[in-house]
């Protein structure tokens, strides 16, 4: 379940090069933890770490989605 694409160029640069240009510096530590874990996760439950407070993905109805 490796990361295939990024929606945010700043996050992509941070993941690939480690540069914080394009993201808020205060988010770098947590983002590094999440991206590292996401990159090696084989299934969604691999992302359940204490303190991450990630919620399960719940698909939105098309009428509720702002991007659709």
PDB file of N, CA and C in Angstrom:
ATOM      1  N   UNK A   1       0.845  -1.187   0.000  1.00  0.00           N
ATOM      2  CA  UNK A   1       0.000   0.000   0.000  1.00  0.00           C
ATOM      3  C   UNK A   1       0.886   1.244   0.000  1.00  0.00           C
ATOM      4  N   UNK A   2       1.815   1.294  -0.887  1.00  0.00           N
ATOM      5  CA  UNK A   2       2.724   2.433  -0.969  1.00  0.00           C
ATOM      6  C   UNK A   2       1.986   3.663  -1.494  1.00  0.00           C
ATOM      7  N   UNK A   3       2.522   4.823  -1.208  1.00  0.00           N
ATOM      8  CA  UNK A   3       1.940   6.071  -1.685  1.00  0.00           C
ATOM      9  C   UNK A   3       2.163   6.152  -3.191  1.00  0.00           C
ATOM     10  N   UNK A   4       1.083   6.327  -3.930  1.00  0.00           N
ATOM     11  CA  UNK A   4       1.174   6.366  -5.391  1.00  0.00           C
ATOM     12  C   UNK A   4       1.184   7.787  -5.937  1.00  0.00           C
ATOM     13  N   UNK A   5       0.300   8.630  -5.421  1.00  0.00           N
ATOM     14  CA  UNK A   5       0.202  10.006  -5.903  1.00  0.00           C
ATOM     15  C   UNK A   5      -0.027  10.952  -4.733  1.00  0.00           C
ATOM     16  N   UNK A   6       0.197  12.217  -4.988  1.00  0.00           N
ATOM     17  CA  UNK A   6      -0.039  13.263  -3.995  1.00  0.00           C
ATOM     18  C   UNK A   6      -0.947  14.316  -4.605  1.00  0.00           C
ATOM     19  N   UNK A   7      -1.854  14.851  -3.819  1.00  0.00           N
ATOM     20  CA  UNK A   7      -2.697  15.952  -4.275  1.00  0.00           C
ATOM     21  C   UNK A   7      -2.023  17.290  -4.005  1.00  0.00           C
ATOM     22  N   UNK A   8      -1.104  17.320  -3.067  1.00  0.00           N
ATOM     23  CA  UNK A   8      -0.469  18.559  -2.633  1.00  0.00           C
ATOM     24  C   UNK A   8       1.020  18.507  -2.960  1.00  0.00           C
ATOM     25  N   UNK A   9       1.477  19.444  -3.771  1.00  0.00           N
ATOM     26  CA  UNK A   9       2.884  19.450  -4.209  1.00  0.00           C
ATOM     27  C   UNK A   9       3.843  19.650  -3.042  1.00  0.00           C
ATOM     28  N   UNK A  10       3.454  20.446  -2.046  1.00  0.00           N
ATOM     29  CA  UNK A  10       4.314  20.666  -0.888  1.00  0.00           C
ATOM     30  C   UNK A  10       4.525  19.391  -0.088  1.00  0.00           C
ATOM     31  N   UNK A  11       3.478  18.604   0.065  1.00  0.00           N
ATOM     32  CA  UNK A  11       3.576  17.328   0.780  1.00  0.00           C
ATOM     33  C   UNK A  11       4.426  16.351  -0.024  1.00  0.00           C
ATOM     34  N   UNK A  12       4.267  16.359  -1.328  1.00  0.00           N
ATOM     35  CA  UNK A  12       5.071  15.481  -2.180  1.00  0.00           C
ATOM     36  C   UNK A  12       6.560  15.819  -2.054  1.00  0.00           C
ATOM     37  N   UNK A  13       6.901  17.108  -2.114  1.00  0.00           N
ATOM     38  CA  UNK A  13       8.306  17.515  -1.968  1.00  0.00           C
ATOM     39  C   UNK A  13       8.843  17.149  -0.593  1.00  0.00           C
ATOM     40  N   UNK A  14       8.016  17.312   0.432  1.00  0.00           N
ATOM     41  CA  UNK A  14       8.429  16.957   1.786  1.00  0.00           C
ATOM     42  C   UNK A  14       8.719  15.467   1.879  1.00  0.00           C
ATOM     43  N   UNK A  15       7.869  14.653   1.288  1.00  0.00           N
ATOM     44  CA  UNK A  15       8.047  13.204   1.324  1.00  0.00           C
ATOM     45  C   UNK A  15       9.282  12.762   0.542  1.00  0.00           C
ATOM     46  N   UNK A  16       9.469  13.316  -0.646  1.00  0.00           N
ATOM     47  CA  UNK A  16      10.559  12.884  -1.515  1.00  0.00           C
ATOM     48  C   UNK A  16      11.909  13.495  -1.151  1.00  0.00           C
ATOM     49  N   UNK A  17      11.916  14.774  -0.763  1.00  0.00           N
ATOM     50  CA  UNK A  17      13.184  15.478  -0.538  1.00  0.00           C
ATOM     51  C   UNK A  17      13.424  15.918   0.899  1.00  0.00           C
ATOM     52  N   UNK A  18      12.356  15.934   1.701  1.00  0.00           N
ATOM     53  CA  UNK A  18      12.505  16.360   3.086  1.00  0.00           C
ATOM     54  C   UNK A  18      12.458  17.860   3.287  1.00  0.00           C
ATOM     55  N   UNK A  19      12.143  18.613   2.244  1.00  0.00           N
ATOM     56  CA  UNK A  19      12.080  20.064   2.359  1.00  0.00           C
ATOM     57  C   UNK A  19      10.726  20.501   2.905  1.00  0.00           C
ATOM     58  N   UNK A  20      10.739  21.480   3.794  1.00  0.00           N
ATOM     59  CA  UNK A  20       9.491  21.954   4.386  1.00  0.00           C
ATOM     60  C   UNK A  20       8.892  23.121   3.607  1.00  0.00           C
ATOM     61  N   UNK A  21       9.502  23.498   2.501  1.00  0.00           N
ATOM     62  CA  UNK A  21       8.915  24.539   1.647  1.00  0.00           C
ATOM     63  C   UNK A  21       7.605  24.004   1.084  1.00  0.00           C
ATOM     64  N   UNK A  22       6.536  24.731   1.294  1.00  0.00           N
ATOM     65  CA  UNK A  22       5.244  24.295   0.772  1.00  0.00           C
ATOM     66  C   UNK A  22       4.343  23.681   1.826  1.00  0.00           C
ATOM     67  N   UNK A  23       4.878  23.452   3.034  1.00  0.00           N
ATOM     68  CA  UNK A  23       4.042  22.982   4.148  1.00  0.00           C
ATOM     69  C   UNK A  23       4.337  23.858   5.359  1.00  0.00           C
ATOM     70  N   UNK A  24       3.461  23.840   6.327  1.00  0.00           N
ATOM     71  CA  UNK A  24       3.719  24.577   7.560  1.00  0.00           C
ATOM     72  C   UNK A  24       4.736  23.798   8.378  1.00  0.00           C
ATOM     73  N   UNK A  25       5.775  24.473   8.808  1.00  0.00           N
ATOM     74  CA  UNK A  25       6.863  23.825   9.538  1.00  0.00           C
ATOM     75  C   UNK A  25       6.359  23.116  10.790  1.00  0.00           C
ATOM     76  N   UNK A  26       5.343  23.676  11.426  1.00  0.00           N
ATOM     77  CA  UNK A  26       4.823  23.057  12.649  1.00  0.00           C
ATOM     78  C   UNK A  26       4.184  21.689  12.380  1.00  0.00           C
ATOM     79  N   UNK A  27       3.847  21.396  11.128  1.00  0.00           N
ATOM     80  CA  UNK A  27       3.244  20.109  10.778  1.00  0.00           C
ATOM     81  C   UNK A  27       4.269  19.062  10.360  1.00  0.00           C
ATOM     82  N   UNK A  28       5.511  19.451  10.198  1.00  0.00           N
ATOM     83  CA  UNK A  28       6.532  18.568   9.626  1.00  0.00           C
ATOM     84  C   UNK A  28       6.717  17.280  10.429  1.00  0.00           C
ATOM     85  N   UNK A  29       6.812  17.367  11.728  1.00  0.00           N
ATOM     86  CA  UNK A  29       7.067  16.173  12.547  1.00  0.00           C
ATOM     87  C   UNK A  29       5.938  15.146  12.419  1.00  0.00           C
ATOM     88  N   UNK A  30       4.709  15.621  12.580  1.00  0.00           N
ATOM     89  CA  UNK A  30       3.551  14.719  12.490  1.00  0.00           C
ATOM     90  C   UNK A  30       3.383  14.181  11.069  1.00  0.00           C
ATOM     91  N   UNK A  31       3.587  15.032  10.097  1.00  0.00           N
ATOM     92  CA  UNK A  31       3.466  14.620   8.705  1.00  0.00           C
ATOM     93  C   UNK A  31       4.508  13.570   8.347  1.00  0.00           C
ATOM     94  N   UNK A  32       5.728  13.725   8.844  1.00  0.00           N
ATOM     95  CA  UNK A  32       6.786  12.734   8.597  1.00  0.00           C
ATOM     96  C   UNK A  32       6.377  11.373   9.168  1.00  0.00           C
ATOM     97  N   UNK A  33       5.805  11.374  10.358  1.00  0.00           N
ATOM     98  CA  UNK A  33       5.348  10.140  10.995  1.00  0.00           C
ATOM     99  C   UNK A  33       4.232   9.484  10.176  1.00  0.00           C
ATOM    100  N   UNK A  34       3.253  10.275   9.773  1.00  0.00           N
ATOM    101  CA  UNK A  34       2.115   9.740   9.026  1.00  0.00           C
ATOM    102  C   UNK A  34       2.543   9.221   7.653  1.00  0.00           C
ATOM    103  N   UNK A  35       3.338   9.998   6.933  1.00  0.00           N
ATOM    104  CA  UNK A  35       3.762   9.581   5.590  1.00  0.00           C
ATOM    105  C   UNK A  35       4.654   8.347   5.638  1.00  0.00           C
ATOM    106  N   UNK A  36       5.538   8.285   6.621  1.00  0.00           N
ATOM    107  CA  UNK A  36       6.403   7.119   6.762  1.00  0.00           C
ATOM    108  C   UNK A  36       5.608   5.862   7.041  1.00  0.00           C
ATOM    109  N   UNK A  37       4.642   5.993   7.926  1.00  0.00           N
ATOM    110  CA  UNK A  37       3.796   4.852   8.265  1.00  0.00           C
ATOM    111  C   UNK A  37       2.912   4.456   7.078  1.00  0.00           C
ATOM    112  N   UNK A  38       2.364   5.445   6.399  1.00  0.00           N
ATOM    113  CA  UNK A  38       1.509   5.185   5.245  1.00  0.00           C
ATOM    114  C   UNK A  38       2.283   4.497   4.125  1.00  0.00           C
ATOM    115  N   UNK A  39       3.532   4.839   3.973  1.00  0.00           N
ATOM    116  CA  UNK A  39       4.354   4.271   2.913  1.00  0.00           C
ATOM    117  C   UNK A  39       4.619   2.778   3.113  1.00  0.00           C
ATOM    118  N   UNK A  40       4.653   2.304   4.355  1.00  0.00           N
ATOM    119  CA  UNK A  40       4.943   0.890   4.611  1.00  0.00           C
ATOM    120  C   UNK A  40       3.713   0.083   5.009  1.00  0.00           C
ATOM    121  N   UNK A  41       2.567   0.750   5.189  1.00  0.00           N
ATOM    122  CA  UNK A  41       1.348   0.057   5.612  1.00  0.00           C
ATOM    123  C   UNK A  41       0.870  -0.903   4.529  1.00  0.00           C
ATOM    124  N   UNK A  42       0.436  -2.065   4.956  1.00  0.00           N
ATOM    125  CA  UNK A  42      -0.104  -3.056   4.019  1.00  0.00           C
ATOM    126  C   UNK A  42      -1.628  -3.053   4.019  1.00  0.00           C
ATOM    127  N   UNK A  43      -2.216  -2.611   5.102  1.00  0.00           N
ATOM    128  CA  UNK A  43      -3.670  -2.528   5.201  1.00  0.00           C
ATOM    129  C   UNK A  43      -4.029  -1.367   6.121  1.00  0.00           C
ATOM    130  N   UNK A  44      -5.265  -0.893   6.060  1.00  0.00           N
ATOM    131  CA  UNK A  44      -5.651   0.291   6.825  1.00  0.00           C
ATOM    132  C   UNK A  44      -5.386   0.198   8.329  1.00  0.00           C
ATOM    133  N   UNK A  45      -5.531  -0.965   8.909  1.00  0.00           N
ATOM    134  CA  UNK A  45      -5.325  -1.060  10.356  1.00  0.00           C
ATOM    135  C   UNK A  45      -3.867  -0.849  10.759  1.00  0.00           C
ATOM    136  N   UNK A  46      -2.943  -0.934   9.801  1.00  0.00           N
ATOM    137  CA  UNK A  46      -1.542  -0.629  10.092  1.00  0.00           C
ATOM    138  C   UNK A  46      -1.342   0.840  10.448  1.00  0.00           C
ATOM    139  N   UNK A  47      -2.325   1.664  10.147  1.00  0.00           N
ATOM    140  CA  UNK A  47      -2.232   3.095  10.427  1.00  0.00           C
ATOM    141  C   UNK A  47      -2.722   3.452  11.823  1.00  0.00           C
ATOM    142  N   UNK A  48      -3.214   2.481  12.570  1.00  0.00           N
ATOM    143  CA  UNK A  48      -3.736   2.787  13.902  1.00  0.00           C
ATOM    144  C   UNK A  48      -2.588   2.882  14.905  1.00  0.00           C
ATOM    145  N   UNK A  49      -2.119   4.081  15.110  1.00  0.00           N
ATOM    146  CA  UNK A  49      -1.066   4.360  16.078  1.00  0.00           C
ATOM    147  C   UNK A  49      -1.630   5.250  17.174  1.00  0.00           C
ATOM    148  N   UNK A  50      -1.200   5.053  18.404  1.00  0.00           N
ATOM    149  CA  UNK A  50      -1.668   5.928  19.476  1.00  0.00           C
ATOM    150  C   UNK A  50      -1.285   7.381  19.196  1.00  0.00           C
ATOM    151  N   UNK A  51      -2.226   8.265  19.392  1.00  0.00           N
ATOM    152  CA  UNK A  51      -1.950   9.680  19.227  1.00  0.00           C
ATOM    153  C   UNK A  51      -2.175  10.226  17.833  1.00  0.00           C
ATOM    154  N   UNK A  52      -2.327   9.365  16.833  1.00  0.00           N
ATOM    155  CA  UNK A  52      -2.553   9.869  15.477  1.00  0.00           C
ATOM    156  C   UNK A  52      -3.972  10.385  15.294  1.00  0.00           C
ATOM    157  N   UNK A  53      -4.915   9.791  15.991  1.00  0.00           N
ATOM    158  CA  UNK A  53      -6.319  10.206  15.922  1.00  0.00           C
ATOM    159  C   UNK A  53      -6.844  10.246  14.488  1.00  0.00           C
ATOM    160  N   UNK A  54      -6.464   9.253  13.692  1.00  0.00           N
ATOM    161  CA  UNK A  54      -6.974   9.161  12.330  1.00  0.00           C
ATOM    162  C   UNK A  54      -8.359   8.530  12.358  1.00  0.00           C
ATOM    163  N   UNK A  55      -9.229   9.009  11.520  1.00  0.00           N
ATOM    164  CA  UNK A  55     -10.580   8.459  11.458  1.00  0.00           C
ATOM    165  C   UNK A  55     -10.705   7.576  10.226  1.00  0.00           C
ATOM    166  N   UNK A  56     -11.630   6.614  10.243  1.00  0.00           N
ATOM    167  CA  UNK A  56     -11.804   5.746   9.077  1.00  0.00           C
ATOM    168  C   UNK A  56     -12.353   6.544   7.896  1.00  0.00           C
ATOM    169  N   UNK A  57     -11.988   6.128   6.710  1.00  0.00           N
ATOM    170  CA  UNK A  57     -12.491   6.788   5.505  1.00  0.00           C
ATOM    171  C   UNK A  57     -13.952   6.429   5.312  1.00  0.00           C
ATOM    172  N   UNK A  58     -14.781   7.436   5.179  1.00  0.00           N
ATOM    173  CA  UNK A  58     -16.202   7.233   4.924  1.00  0.00           C
ATOM    174  C   UNK A  58     -16.518   7.951   3.619  1.00  0.00           C
ATOM    175  N   UNK A  59     -16.875   7.206   2.583  1.00  0.00           N
ATOM    176  CA  UNK A  59     -17.169   7.853   1.297  1.00  0.00           C
ATOM    177  C   UNK A  59     -18.335   8.831   1.419  1.00  0.00           C
ATOM    178  N   UNK A  60     -18.203   9.963   0.786  1.00  0.00           N
ATOM    179  CA  UNK A  60     -19.266  10.961   0.788  1.00  0.00           C
ATOM    180  C   UNK A  60     -20.202  10.725  -0.391  1.00  0.00           C
ATOM    181  N   UNK A  61     -21.429  11.137  -0.209  1.00  0.00           N
ATOM    182  CA  UNK A  61     -22.350  11.145  -1.333  1.00  0.00           C
ATOM    183  C   UNK A  61     -21.916  12.258  -2.275  1.00  0.00           C
ATOM    184  N   UNK A  62     -22.185  12.110  -3.533  1.00  0.00           N
ATOM    185  CA  UNK A  62     -21.774  13.121  -4.508  1.00  0.00           C
ATOM    186  C   UNK A  62     -22.330  14.501  -4.140  1.00  0.00           C
ATOM    187  N   UNK A  63     -23.514  14.547  -3.568  1.00  0.00           N
ATOM    188  CA  UNK A  63     -24.124  15.828  -3.204  1.00  0.00           C
ATOM    189  C   UNK A  63     -23.412  16.485  -2.018  1.00  0.00           C
ATOM    190  N   UNK A  64     -22.662  15.718  -1.223  1.00  0.00           N
ATOM    191  CA  UNK A  64     -21.956  16.256  -0.063  1.00  0.00           C
ATOM    192  C   UNK A  64     -20.523  16.652  -0.386  1.00  0.00           C
ATOM    193  N   UNK A  65     -20.027  16.255  -1.533  1.00  0.00           N
ATOM    194  CA  UNK A  65     -18.625  16.459  -1.879  1.00  0.00           C
ATOM    195  C   UNK A  65     -18.438  17.794  -2.588  1.00  0.00           C
ATOM    196  N   UNK A  66     -17.573  18.653  -2.047  1.00  0.00           N
ATOM    197  CA  UNK A  66     -17.323  19.960  -2.660  1.00  0.00           C
ATOM    198  C   UNK A  66     -16.472  19.846  -3.919  1.00  0.00           C
ATOM    199  N   UNK A  67     -15.637  18.814  -4.019  1.00  0.00           N
ATOM    200  CA  UNK A  67     -14.720  18.683  -5.146  1.00  0.00           C
ATOM    201  C   UNK A  67     -15.345  17.971  -6.342  1.00  0.00           C
ATOM    202  N   UNK A  68     -16.522  17.372  -6.159  1.00  0.00           N
ATOM    203  CA  UNK A  68     -17.116  16.570  -7.238  1.00  0.00           C
ATOM    204  C   UNK A  68     -17.828  17.422  -8.259  1.00  0.00           C
TER     205      UNK A  68
END
